[in-house]
PDB file of N, CA and C in Angstrom:
ATOM      1  N   MET A   1     -14.137   1.110  10.915  1.00  0.00           N
ATOM      2  CA  MET A   1     -13.131   0.610   9.991  1.00  0.00           C
ATOM      3  C   MET A   1     -12.517   1.749   9.176  1.00  0.00           C
ATOM      4  N   ASP A   2     -13.366   2.702   8.748  1.00  0.00           N
ATOM      5  CA  ASP A   2     -12.829   3.781   7.918  1.00  0.00           C
ATOM      6  C   ASP A   2     -11.833   4.647   8.684  1.00  0.00           C
ATOM      7  N   ARG A   3     -11.919   4.654   9.996  1.00  0.00           N
ATOM      8  CA  ARG A   3     -10.956   5.402  10.807  1.00  0.00           C
ATOM      9  C   ARG A   3      -9.569   4.779  10.765  1.00  0.00           C
ATOM     10  N   LEU A   4      -9.518   3.508  10.486  1.00  0.00           N
ATOM     11  CA  LEU A   4      -8.228   2.806  10.406  1.00  0.00           C
ATOM     12  C   LEU A   4      -7.605   2.866   9.018  1.00  0.00           C
ATOM     13  N   LEU A   5      -8.432   2.935   7.980  1.00  0.00           N
ATOM     14  CA  LEU A   5      -7.902   2.888   6.623  1.00  0.00           C
ATOM     15  C   LEU A   5      -7.015   4.083   6.294  1.00  0.00           C
ATOM     16  N   ILE A   6      -7.386   5.252   6.743  1.00  0.00           N
ATOM     17  CA  ILE A   6      -6.589   6.444   6.425  1.00  0.00           C
ATOM     18  C   ILE A   6      -5.200   6.368   7.052  1.00  0.00           C
ATOM     19  N   PRO A   7      -5.069   6.107   8.357  1.00  0.00           N
ATOM     20  CA  PRO A   7      -3.712   6.024   8.920  1.00  0.00           C
ATOM     21  C   PRO A   7      -2.881   4.868   8.347  1.00  0.00           C
ATOM     22  N   ILE A   8      -3.513   3.723   8.126  1.00  0.00           N
ATOM     23  CA  ILE A   8      -2.765   2.585   7.579  1.00  0.00           C
ATOM     24  C   ILE A   8      -2.343   2.882   6.143  1.00  0.00           C
ATOM     25  N   SER A   9      -3.210   3.532   5.369  1.00  0.00           N
ATOM     26  CA  SER A   9      -2.844   3.925   4.001  1.00  0.00           C
ATOM     27  C   SER A   9      -1.684   4.913   4.013  1.00  0.00           C
ATOM     28  N   PHE A  10      -1.718   5.837   4.939  1.00  0.00           N
ATOM     29  CA  PHE A  10      -0.638   6.816   5.038  1.00  0.00           C
ATOM     30  C   PHE A  10       0.675   6.129   5.411  1.00  0.00           C
ATOM     31  N   ILE A  11       0.609   5.200   6.338  1.00  0.00           N
ATOM     32  CA  ILE A  11       1.804   4.448   6.744  1.00  0.00           C
ATOM     33  C   ILE A  11       2.333   3.633   5.562  1.00  0.00           C
ATOM     34  N   THR A  12       1.441   3.010   4.820  1.00  0.00           N
ATOM     35  CA  THR A  12       1.858   2.227   3.653  1.00  0.00           C
ATOM     36  C   THR A  12       2.518   3.128   2.614  1.00  0.00           C
ATOM     37  N   PHE A  13       1.928   4.298   2.378  1.00  0.00           N
ATOM     38  CA  PHE A  13       2.497   5.273   1.452  1.00  0.00           C
ATOM     39  C   PHE A  13       3.911   5.665   1.868  1.00  0.00           C
ATOM     40  N   LEU A  14       4.066   6.019   3.144  1.00  0.00           N
ATOM     41  CA  LEU A  14       5.383   6.417   3.649  1.00  0.00           C
ATOM     42  C   LEU A  14       6.382   5.264   3.594  1.00  0.00           C
ATOM     43  N   THR A  15       5.920   4.065   3.867  1.00  0.00           N
ATOM     44  CA  THR A  15       6.786   2.893   3.850  1.00  0.00           C
ATOM     45  C   THR A  15       7.312   2.617   2.441  1.00  0.00           C
ATOM     46  N   LEU A  16       6.447   2.788   1.440  1.00  0.00           N
ATOM     47  CA  LEU A  16       6.906   2.628   0.062  1.00  0.00           C
ATOM     48  C   LEU A  16       7.945   3.692  -0.289  1.00  0.00           C
ATOM     49  N   GLY A  17       7.722   4.914   0.164  1.00  0.00           N
ATOM     50  CA  GLY A  17       8.696   5.980  -0.080  1.00  0.00           C
ATOM     51  C   GLY A  17      10.024   5.697   0.584  1.00  0.00           C
ATOM     52  N   TYR A  18       9.974   5.220   1.821  1.00  0.00           N
ATOM     53  CA  TYR A  18      11.196   4.874   2.542  1.00  0.00           C
ATOM     54  C   TYR A  18      11.942   3.744   1.837  1.00  0.00           C
ATOM     55  N   ASP A  19      11.185   2.732   1.401  1.00  0.00           N
ATOM     56  CA  ASP A  19      11.820   1.603   0.726  1.00  0.00           C
ATOM     57  C   ASP A  19      12.461   2.050  -0.582  1.00  0.00           C
ATOM     58  N   LYS A  20      11.837   2.977  -1.285  1.00  0.00           N
ATOM     59  CA  LYS A  20      12.423   3.499  -2.514  1.00  0.00           C
ATOM     60  C   LYS A  20      13.734   4.232  -2.216  1.00  0.00           C
ATOM     61  N   LEU A  21      13.743   5.040  -1.159  1.00  0.00           N
ATOM     62  CA  LEU A  21      14.976   5.727  -0.771  1.00  0.00           C
ATOM     63  C   LEU A  21      16.078   4.736  -0.431  1.00  0.00           C
ATOM     64  N   GLN A  22      15.723   3.705   0.298  1.00  0.00           N
ATOM     65  CA  GLN A  22      16.686   2.670   0.663  1.00  0.00           C
ATOM     66  C   GLN A  22      17.188   1.925  -0.579  1.00  0.00           C
ATOM     67  N   ALA A  23      16.312   1.714  -1.535  1.00  0.00           N
ATOM     68  CA  ALA A  23      16.715   1.033  -2.766  1.00  0.00           C
ATOM     69  C   ALA A  23      17.743   1.870  -3.525  1.00  0.00           C
ATOM     70  N   LYS A  24      17.507   3.156  -3.588  1.00  0.00           N
ATOM     71  CA  LYS A  24      18.453   4.045  -4.284  1.00  0.00           C
ATOM     72  C   LYS A  24      19.791   4.124  -3.558  1.00  0.00           C
ATOM     73  N   ALA A  25      19.758   4.088  -2.221  1.00  0.00           N
ATOM     74  CA  ALA A  25      20.974   4.230  -1.421  1.00  0.00           C
ATOM     75  C   ALA A  25      21.640   2.892  -1.139  1.00  0.00           C
ATOM     76  N   ASP A  26      21.079   1.809  -1.686  1.00  0.00           N
ATOM     77  CA  ASP A  26      21.577   0.466  -1.432  1.00  0.00           C
ATOM     78  C   ASP A  26      21.579   0.167   0.072  1.00  0.00           C
ATOM     79  N   GLY A  27      20.533   0.629   0.739  1.00  0.00           N
ATOM     80  CA  GLY A  27      20.412   0.439   2.183  1.00  0.00           C
ATOM     81  C   GLY A  27      19.543  -0.748   2.528  1.00  0.00           C
ATOM     82  N   ARG A  28      19.153  -0.798   3.779  1.00  0.00           N
ATOM     83  CA  ARG A  28      18.338  -1.903   4.278  1.00  0.00           C
ATOM     84  C   ARG A  28      16.898  -1.719   3.817  1.00  0.00           C
ATOM     85  N   ARG A  29      16.382  -2.724   3.124  1.00  0.00           N
ATOM     86  CA  ARG A  29      15.079  -2.643   2.491  1.00  0.00           C
ATOM     87  C   ARG A  29      13.982  -3.223   3.364  1.00  0.00           C
ATOM     88  N   ILE A  30      12.762  -2.867   3.041  1.00  0.00           N
ATOM     89  CA  ILE A  30      11.580  -3.435   3.687  1.00  0.00           C
ATOM     90  C   ILE A  30      11.170  -4.659   2.870  1.00  0.00           C
ATOM     91  N   PRO A  31      10.959  -5.789   3.505  1.00  0.00           N
ATOM     92  CA  PRO A  31      10.578  -6.988   2.746  1.00  0.00           C
ATOM     93  C   PRO A  31       9.274  -6.774   1.964  1.00  0.00           C
ATOM     94  N   GLU A  32       9.210  -7.341   0.777  1.00  0.00           N
ATOM     95  CA  GLU A  32       8.008  -7.218  -0.043  1.00  0.00           C
ATOM     96  C   GLU A  32       6.785  -7.756   0.678  1.00  0.00           C
ATOM     97  N   LYS A  33       6.974  -8.804   1.462  1.00  0.00           N
ATOM     98  CA  LYS A  33       5.868  -9.380   2.211  1.00  0.00           C
ATOM     99  C   LYS A  33       5.239  -8.341   3.138  1.00  0.00           C
ATOM    100  N   VAL A  34       6.064  -7.526   3.781  1.00  0.00           N
ATOM    101  CA  VAL A  34       5.560  -6.481   4.675  1.00  0.00           C
ATOM    102  C   VAL A  34       4.788  -5.439   3.883  1.00  0.00           C
ATOM    103  N   LEU A  35       5.334  -5.016   2.752  1.00  0.00           N
ATOM    104  CA  LEU A  35       4.653  -4.019   1.921  1.00  0.00           C
ATOM    105  C   LEU A  35       3.295  -4.540   1.446  1.00  0.00           C
ATOM    106  N   LEU A  36       3.250  -5.788   1.051  1.00  0.00           N
ATOM    107  CA  LEU A  36       1.988  -6.371   0.588  1.00  0.00           C
ATOM    108  C   LEU A  36       0.991  -6.543   1.727  1.00  0.00           C
ATOM    109  N   LEU A  37       1.461  -6.984   2.880  1.00  0.00           N
ATOM    110  CA  LEU A  37       0.555  -7.157   4.022  1.00  0.00           C
ATOM    111  C   LEU A  37      -0.014  -5.837   4.509  1.00  0.00           C
ATOM    112  N   LEU A  38       0.782  -4.774   4.464  1.00  0.00           N
ATOM    113  CA  LEU A  38       0.257  -3.458   4.816  1.00  0.00           C
ATOM    114  C   LEU A  38      -0.898  -3.084   3.890  1.00  0.00           C
ATOM    115  N   GLY A  39      -0.752  -3.392   2.620  1.00  0.00           N
ATOM    116  CA  GLY A  39      -1.818  -3.104   1.668  1.00  0.00           C
ATOM    117  C   GLY A  39      -3.057  -3.929   1.928  1.00  0.00           C
ATOM    118  N   VAL A  40      -2.876  -5.201   2.194  1.00  0.00           N
ATOM    119  CA  VAL A  40      -4.008  -6.098   2.431  1.00  0.00           C
ATOM    120  C   VAL A  40      -4.763  -5.713   3.706  1.00  0.00           C
ATOM    121  N   PHE A  41      -4.035  -5.294   4.721  1.00  0.00           N
ATOM    122  CA  PHE A  41      -4.671  -4.982   5.998  1.00  0.00           C
ATOM    123  C   PHE A  41      -5.014  -3.504   6.158  1.00  0.00           C
ATOM    124  N   GLY A  42      -5.404  -2.872   5.046  1.00  0.00           N
ATOM    125  CA  GLY A  42      -5.959  -1.532   5.152  1.00  0.00           C
ATOM    126  C   GLY A  42      -5.229  -0.445   4.405  1.00  0.00           C
ATOM    127  N   GLY A  43      -4.059  -0.718   3.875  1.00  0.00           N
ATOM    128  CA  GLY A  43      -3.285   0.341   3.248  1.00  0.00           C
ATOM    129  C   GLY A  43      -3.210   0.272   1.739  1.00  0.00           C
ATOM    130  N   ALA A  44      -4.187  -0.363   1.101  1.00  0.00           N
ATOM    131  CA  ALA A  44      -4.124  -0.568  -0.348  1.00  0.00           C
ATOM    132  C   ALA A  44      -4.139   0.745  -1.126  1.00  0.00           C
ATOM    133  N   ILE A  45      -4.965   1.671  -0.729  1.00  0.00           N
ATOM    134  CA  ILE A  45      -5.040   2.943  -1.458  1.00  0.00           C
ATOM    135  C   ILE A  45      -3.729   3.708  -1.305  1.00  0.00           C
ATOM    136  N   GLY A  46      -3.197   3.751  -0.111  1.00  0.00           N
ATOM    137  CA  GLY A  46      -1.893   4.384   0.097  1.00  0.00           C
ATOM    138  C   GLY A  46      -0.789   3.676  -0.672  1.00  0.00           C
ATOM    139  N   GLY A  47      -0.910   2.365  -0.791  1.00  0.00           N
ATOM    140  CA  GLY A  47       0.064   1.595  -1.556  1.00  0.00           C
ATOM    141  C   GLY A  47       0.015   1.932  -3.037  1.00  0.00           C
ATOM    142  N   LEU A  48      -1.194   2.020  -3.577  1.00  0.00           N
ATOM    143  CA  LEU A  48      -1.338   2.371  -4.989  1.00  0.00           C
ATOM    144  C   LEU A  48      -0.825   3.782  -5.267  1.00  0.00           C
ATOM    145  N   VAL A  49      -1.161   4.710  -4.390  1.00  0.00           N
ATOM    146  CA  VAL A  49      -0.680   6.086  -4.567  1.00  0.00           C
ATOM    147  C   VAL A  49       0.839   6.131  -4.432  1.00  0.00           C
ATOM    148  N   GLY A  50       1.368   5.408  -3.461  1.00  0.00           N
ATOM    149  CA  GLY A  50       2.816   5.364  -3.263  1.00  0.00           C
ATOM    150  C   GLY A  50       3.551   4.771  -4.453  1.00  0.00           C
ATOM    151  N   MET A  51       2.965   3.753  -5.055  1.00  0.00           N
ATOM    152  CA  MET A  51       3.585   3.159  -6.234  1.00  0.00           C
ATOM    153  C   MET A  51       3.702   4.191  -7.353  1.00  0.00           C
ATOM    154  N   LYS A  52       2.662   4.972  -7.537  1.00  0.00           N
ATOM    155  CA  LYS A  52       2.671   5.980  -8.605  1.00  0.00           C
ATOM    156  C   LYS A  52       3.594   7.144  -8.263  1.00  0.00           C
ATOM    157  N   VAL A  53       3.489   7.674  -7.043  1.00  0.00           N
ATOM    158  CA  VAL A  53       4.268   8.854  -6.658  1.00  0.00           C
ATOM    159  C   VAL A  53       5.759   8.553  -6.642  1.00  0.00           C
ATOM    160  N   PHE A  54       6.124   7.440  -6.034  1.00  0.00           N
ATOM    161  CA  PHE A  54       7.539   7.106  -5.883  1.00  0.00           C
ATOM    162  C   PHE A  54       8.084   6.249  -7.034  1.00  0.00           C
ATOM    163  N   ARG A  55       7.214   5.860  -7.952  1.00  0.00           N
ATOM    164  CA  ARG A  55       7.586   4.962  -9.048  1.00  0.00           C
ATOM    165  C   ARG A  55       8.325   3.747  -8.507  1.00  0.00           C
ATOM    166  N   HIS A  56       7.660   3.118  -7.564  1.00  0.00           N
ATOM    167  CA  HIS A  56       8.281   1.998  -6.852  1.00  0.00           C
ATOM    168  C   HIS A  56       7.391   0.771  -6.943  1.00  0.00           C
ATOM    169  N   LYS A  57       7.983  -0.345  -7.268  1.00  0.00           N
ATOM    170  CA  LYS A  57       7.317  -1.645  -7.404  1.00  0.00           C
ATOM    171  C   LYS A  57       6.312  -1.655  -8.547  1.00  0.00           C
ATOM    172  N   THR A  58       6.432  -0.727  -9.490  1.00  0.00           N
ATOM    173  CA  THR A  58       5.466  -0.636 -10.575  1.00  0.00           C
ATOM    174  C   THR A  58       5.621  -1.738 -11.611  1.00  0.00           C
ATOM    175  N   ARG A  59       6.770  -2.361 -11.670  1.00  0.00           N
ATOM    176  CA  ARG A  59       6.980  -3.451 -12.633  1.00  0.00           C
ATOM    177  C   ARG A  59       6.534  -4.800 -12.090  1.00  0.00           C
ATOM    178  N   HIS A  60       6.203  -4.851 -10.826  1.00  0.00           N
ATOM    179  CA  HIS A  60       5.753  -6.094 -10.203  1.00  0.00           C
ATOM    180  C   HIS A  60       4.234  -6.184 -10.324  1.00  0.00           C
ATOM    181  N   SER A  61       3.770  -7.042 -11.224  1.00  0.00           N
ATOM    182  CA  SER A  61       2.325  -7.142 -11.457  1.00  0.00           C
ATOM    183  C   SER A  61       1.573  -7.586 -10.206  1.00  0.00           C
ATOM    184  N   TYR A  62       2.204  -8.401  -9.378  1.00  0.00           N
ATOM    185  CA  TYR A  62       1.510  -8.872  -8.192  1.00  0.00           C
ATOM    186  C   TYR A  62       1.239  -7.734  -7.205  1.00  0.00           C
ATOM    187  N   PHE A  63       2.052  -6.684  -7.190  1.00  0.00           N
ATOM    188  CA  PHE A  63       1.747  -5.528  -6.349  1.00  0.00           C
ATOM    189  C   PHE A  63       0.497  -4.831  -6.870  1.00  0.00           C
ATOM    190  N   TRP A  64       0.417  -4.624  -8.189  1.00  0.00           N
ATOM    191  CA  TRP A  64      -0.764  -3.995  -8.772  1.00  0.00           C
ATOM    192  C   TRP A  64      -2.011  -4.816  -8.477  1.00  0.00           C
ATOM    193  N   ILE A  65      -1.923  -6.110  -8.663  1.00  0.00           N
ATOM    194  CA  ILE A  65      -3.085  -6.980  -8.474  1.00  0.00           C
ATOM    195  C   ILE A  65      -3.524  -6.987  -7.018  1.00  0.00           C
ATOM    196  N   ILE A  66      -2.601  -7.220  -6.121  1.00  0.00           N
ATOM    197  CA  ILE A  66      -2.957  -7.323  -4.701  1.00  0.00           C
ATOM    198  C   ILE A  66      -3.451  -5.994  -4.161  1.00  0.00           C
ATOM    199  N   TYR A  67      -2.755  -4.900  -4.478  1.00  0.00           N
ATOM    200  CA  TYR A  67      -3.200  -3.590  -3.995  1.00  0.00           C
ATOM    201  C   TYR A  67      -4.557  -3.207  -4.588  1.00  0.00           C
ATOM    202  N   THR A  68      -4.776  -3.480  -5.870  1.00  0.00           N
ATOM    203  CA  THR A  68      -6.050  -3.110  -6.494  1.00  0.00           C
ATOM    204  C   THR A  68      -7.199  -3.921  -5.921  1.00  0.00           C
ATOM    205  N   LEU A  69      -7.028  -5.230  -5.831  1.00  0.00           N
ATOM    206  CA  LEU A  69      -8.090  -6.070  -5.251  1.00  0.00           C
ATOM    207  C   LEU A  69      -8.358  -5.693  -3.800  1.00  0.00           C
ATOM    208  N   SER A  70      -7.305  -5.432  -3.060  1.00  0.00           N
ATOM    209  CA  SER A  70      -7.474  -5.043  -1.654  1.00  0.00           C
ATOM    210  C   SER A  70      -8.189  -3.702  -1.538  1.00  0.00           C
ATOM    211  N   ALA A  71      -7.865  -2.772  -2.419  1.00  0.00           N
ATOM    212  CA  ALA A  71      -8.524  -1.456  -2.387  1.00  0.00           C
ATOM    213  C   ALA A  71     -10.017  -1.599  -2.666  1.00  0.00           C
ATOM    214  N   VAL A  72     -10.370  -2.435  -3.631  1.00  0.00           N
ATOM    215  CA  VAL A  72     -11.790  -2.657  -3.945  1.00  0.00           C
ATOM    216  C   VAL A  72     -12.510  -3.247  -2.737  1.00  0.00           C
ATOM    217  N   VAL A  73     -11.918  -4.255  -2.130  1.00  0.00           N
ATOM    218  CA  VAL A  73     -12.530  -4.892  -0.957  1.00  0.00           C
ATOM    219  C   VAL A  73     -12.656  -3.889   0.195  1.00  0.00           C
ATOM    220  N   GLN A  74     -11.610  -3.099   0.434  1.00  0.00           N
ATOM    221  CA  GLN A  74     -11.637  -2.130   1.520  1.00  0.00           C
ATOM    222  C   GLN A  74     -12.686  -1.043   1.281  1.00  0.00           C
ATOM    223  N   LEU A  75     -12.787  -0.560   0.059  1.00  0.00           N
ATOM    224  CA  LEU A  75     -13.798   0.460  -0.249  1.00  0.00           C
ATOM    225  C   LEU A  75     -15.211  -0.108  -0.149  1.00  0.00           C
ATOM    226  N   LEU A  76     -15.396  -1.339  -0.601  1.00  0.00           N
ATOM    227  CA  LEU A  76     -16.700  -1.988  -0.448  1.00  0.00           C
ATOM    228  C   LEU A  76     -17.057  -2.169   1.024  1.00  0.00           C
ATOM    229  N   ALA A  77     -16.111  -2.586   1.817  1.00  0.00           N
ATOM    230  CA  ALA A  77     -16.357  -2.784   3.248  1.00  0.00           C
ATOM    231  C   ALA A  77     -16.750  -1.473   3.916  1.00  0.00           C
ATOM    232  N   VAL A  78     -16.036  -0.400   3.598  1.00  0.00           N
ATOM    233  CA  VAL A  78     -16.354   0.908   4.183  1.00  0.00           C
ATOM    234  C   VAL A  78     -17.745   1.348   3.744  1.00  0.00           C
ATOM    235  N   THR A  79     -18.059   1.161   2.474  1.00  0.00           N
ATOM    236  CA  THR A  79     -19.373   1.558   1.951  1.00  0.00           C
ATOM    237  C   THR A  79     -20.490   0.759   2.600  1.00  0.00           C
ATOM    238  N   LEU A  80     -20.313  -0.543   2.697  1.00  0.00           N
ATOM    239  CA  LEU A  80     -21.360  -1.386   3.285  1.00  0.00           C
ATOM    240  C   LEU A  80     -21.512  -1.156   4.786  1.00  0.00           C
ATOM    241  N   LEU A  81     -20.414  -0.917   5.477  1.00  0.00           N
ATOM    242  CA  LEU A  81     -20.500  -0.685   6.925  1.00  0.00           C
ATOM    243  C   LEU A  81     -21.032   0.685   7.267  1.00  0.00           C
ATOM    244  N   ALA A  82     -20.974   1.608   6.324  1.00  0.00           N
ATOM    245  CA  ALA A  82     -21.461   2.970   6.576  1.00  0.00           C
ATOM    246  C   ALA A  82     -22.987   3.039   6.533  1.00  0.00           C
ATOM    247  N   ARG A  83     -23.639   2.017   6.056  1.00  0.00           N
ATOM    248  CA  ARG A  83     -25.118   2.017   5.961  1.00  0.00           C
ATOM    249  C   ARG A  83     -25.778   1.845   7.279  1.00  0.00           C
TER     250      ARG A  83
END
């Protein structure tokens, strides 16, 4: 599982950056549902880092809540499976 979290987190991070660029350029955006699902399915840490680095989706409390809870669950899963 830990082998998947790093690439998915990186993809989530890049996706948030891309969406921020698109938001500034008034371009085609990534749906919030996709951004949240990427976080839930392994990219929560990348999502949290992306939110801070790109200052994107930081006013949406549900992004903070979902990414934080998902990160805790993902880190617990990695820790428990590593035993």
